[in-house]
Amino acid sequence: MALDGEEGLRKARESKPDLIILDLILPKLDGFNVLREIKKDNAIKHIPVIVLTNLSDVTDKAIELGADKCLVKSDYSMSDIMEKIKSQFK
């Protein structure tokens, strides 16, 4: 877990996780820029990214930038979100 976009990007590069769950509203470096940087970095661009956001009008932009899924938090229960995450590994 990271508290801002710069930390999240650094941690992704260091630990190369199996999945990144990304919010778009982040201090220091917003989620769109984090996503751009992830997808430019050959070492981590293969990692699936699921964007969780409260912004309903940005799903297309997140997908265009390389997110595998973009979920508006208010549209899903926590169990729905967990199922979407699990489906990424099937």
Protein backbone atom coordinates (compact mmCIF):
# COMPACT_ATOMS: atom_id res chain seq x y z
CA MET A 1 0.00 0.00 0.00
CA ALA A 2 1.20 3.50 -0.81
CA LEU A 3 -0.02 6.87 0.43
CA ASP A 4 0.73 8.82 -2.75
CA GLY A 5 1.37 8.22 -6.42
CA GLU A 6 5.13 8.65 -6.27
CA GLU A 7 5.42 6.07 -3.50
CA GLY A 8 3.10 3.69 -5.32
CA LEU A 9 5.11 3.89 -8.51
CA ARG A 10 8.37 3.37 -6.61
CA LYS A 11 6.93 0.35 -4.78
CA ALA A 12 5.62 -1.14 -8.04
CA ARG A 13 9.08 -0.84 -9.57
CA GLU A 14 10.78 -2.34 -6.51
CA SER A 15 8.45 -5.22 -5.68
CA LYS A 16 6.85 -5.97 -9.07
CA PRO A 17 3.51 -7.14 -7.63
CA ASP A 18 1.13 -9.55 -9.37
CA LEU A 19 -1.58 -6.88 -9.51
CA ILE A 20 -1.85 -3.13 -8.97
CA ILE A 21 -5.04 -1.61 -7.60
CA LEU A 22 -4.88 2.09 -8.36
CA ASP A 23 -6.94 5.06 -7.26
CA LEU A 24 -6.89 8.12 -9.50
CA ILE A 25 -7.07 10.83 -6.85
CA LEU A 26 -3.64 10.69 -5.24
CA PRO A 27 -1.29 13.30 -3.81
CA LYS A 28 2.05 14.13 -5.49
CA LEU A 29 1.40 12.09 -8.66
CA ASP A 30 -2.18 11.37 -9.71
CA GLY A 31 -3.34 7.93 -10.78
CA PHE A 32 -3.44 8.81 -14.50
CA ASN A 33 0.25 9.72 -14.41
CA VAL A 34 1.08 6.65 -12.34
CA LEU A 35 -0.68 4.52 -14.96
CA ARG A 36 1.19 6.26 -17.78
CA GLU A 37 4.51 5.64 -16.04
CA ILE A 38 3.68 1.99 -15.34
CA LYS A 39 2.83 1.34 -18.97
CA LYS A 40 6.06 3.04 -20.19
CA ASP A 41 8.28 0.93 -17.93
CA ASN A 42 9.23 -2.38 -19.58
CA ALA A 43 9.91 -3.97 -16.19
CA ILE A 44 6.36 -3.46 -14.88
CA LYS A 45 4.09 -2.69 -17.85
CA HIS A 46 2.88 -6.30 -17.93
CA ILE A 47 1.40 -6.05 -14.41
CA PRO A 48 -2.42 -5.90 -14.54
CA VAL A 49 -3.85 -2.63 -13.23
CA ILE A 50 -7.36 -2.32 -11.83
CA VAL A 51 -8.43 1.28 -11.29
CA LEU A 52 -10.87 1.93 -8.44
CA THR A 53 -12.32 5.42 -8.52
CA ASN A 54 -15.21 7.59 -7.44
CA LEU A 55 -15.07 9.41 -10.78
CA SER A 56 -17.69 7.97 -13.12
CA ASP A 57 -16.60 9.89 -16.21
CA VAL A 58 -13.02 8.64 -16.46
CA THR A 59 -13.37 4.93 -17.13
CA ASP A 60 -12.69 5.23 -20.87
CA LYS A 61 -9.58 7.34 -20.26
CA ALA A 62 -8.22 4.86 -17.72
CA ILE A 63 -8.72 1.97 -20.17
CA GLU A 64 -7.10 3.97 -22.99
CA LEU A 65 -4.06 4.55 -20.75
CA GLY A 66 -3.72 0.80 -20.16
CA ALA A 67 -5.84 -0.14 -17.16
CA ASP A 68 -7.19 -3.67 -17.41
CA LYS A 69 -10.37 -2.69 -15.59
CA CYS A 70 -11.78 0.56 -14.26
CA LEU A 71 -14.41 0.22 -11.56
CA VAL A 72 -16.47 3.07 -10.12
CA LYS A 73 -16.58 2.32 -6.40
CA SER A 74 -20.20 3.36 -5.92
CA ASP A 75 -21.35 0.87 -8.58
CA TYR A 76 -19.97 -2.21 -6.80
CA SER A 77 -20.08 -3.84 -3.40
CA MET A 78 -16.82 -4.95 -1.83
CA SER A 79 -17.62 -8.56 -2.71
CA ASP A 80 -18.22 -7.55 -6.36
CA ILE A 81 -14.85 -5.80 -6.41
CA MET A 82 -13.16 -8.87 -4.95
CA GLU A 83 -14.72 -11.04 -7.66
CA LYS A 84 -13.45 -8.69 -10.36
CA ILE A 85 -9.97 -8.88 -8.85
CA LYS A 86 -10.09 -12.68 -8.64
CA SER A 87 -11.27 -12.89 -12.26
CA GLN A 88 -8.06 -11.17 -13.32
CA PHE A 89 -6.20 -14.37 -12.42
CA LYS A 90 -8.44 -16.93 -14.10
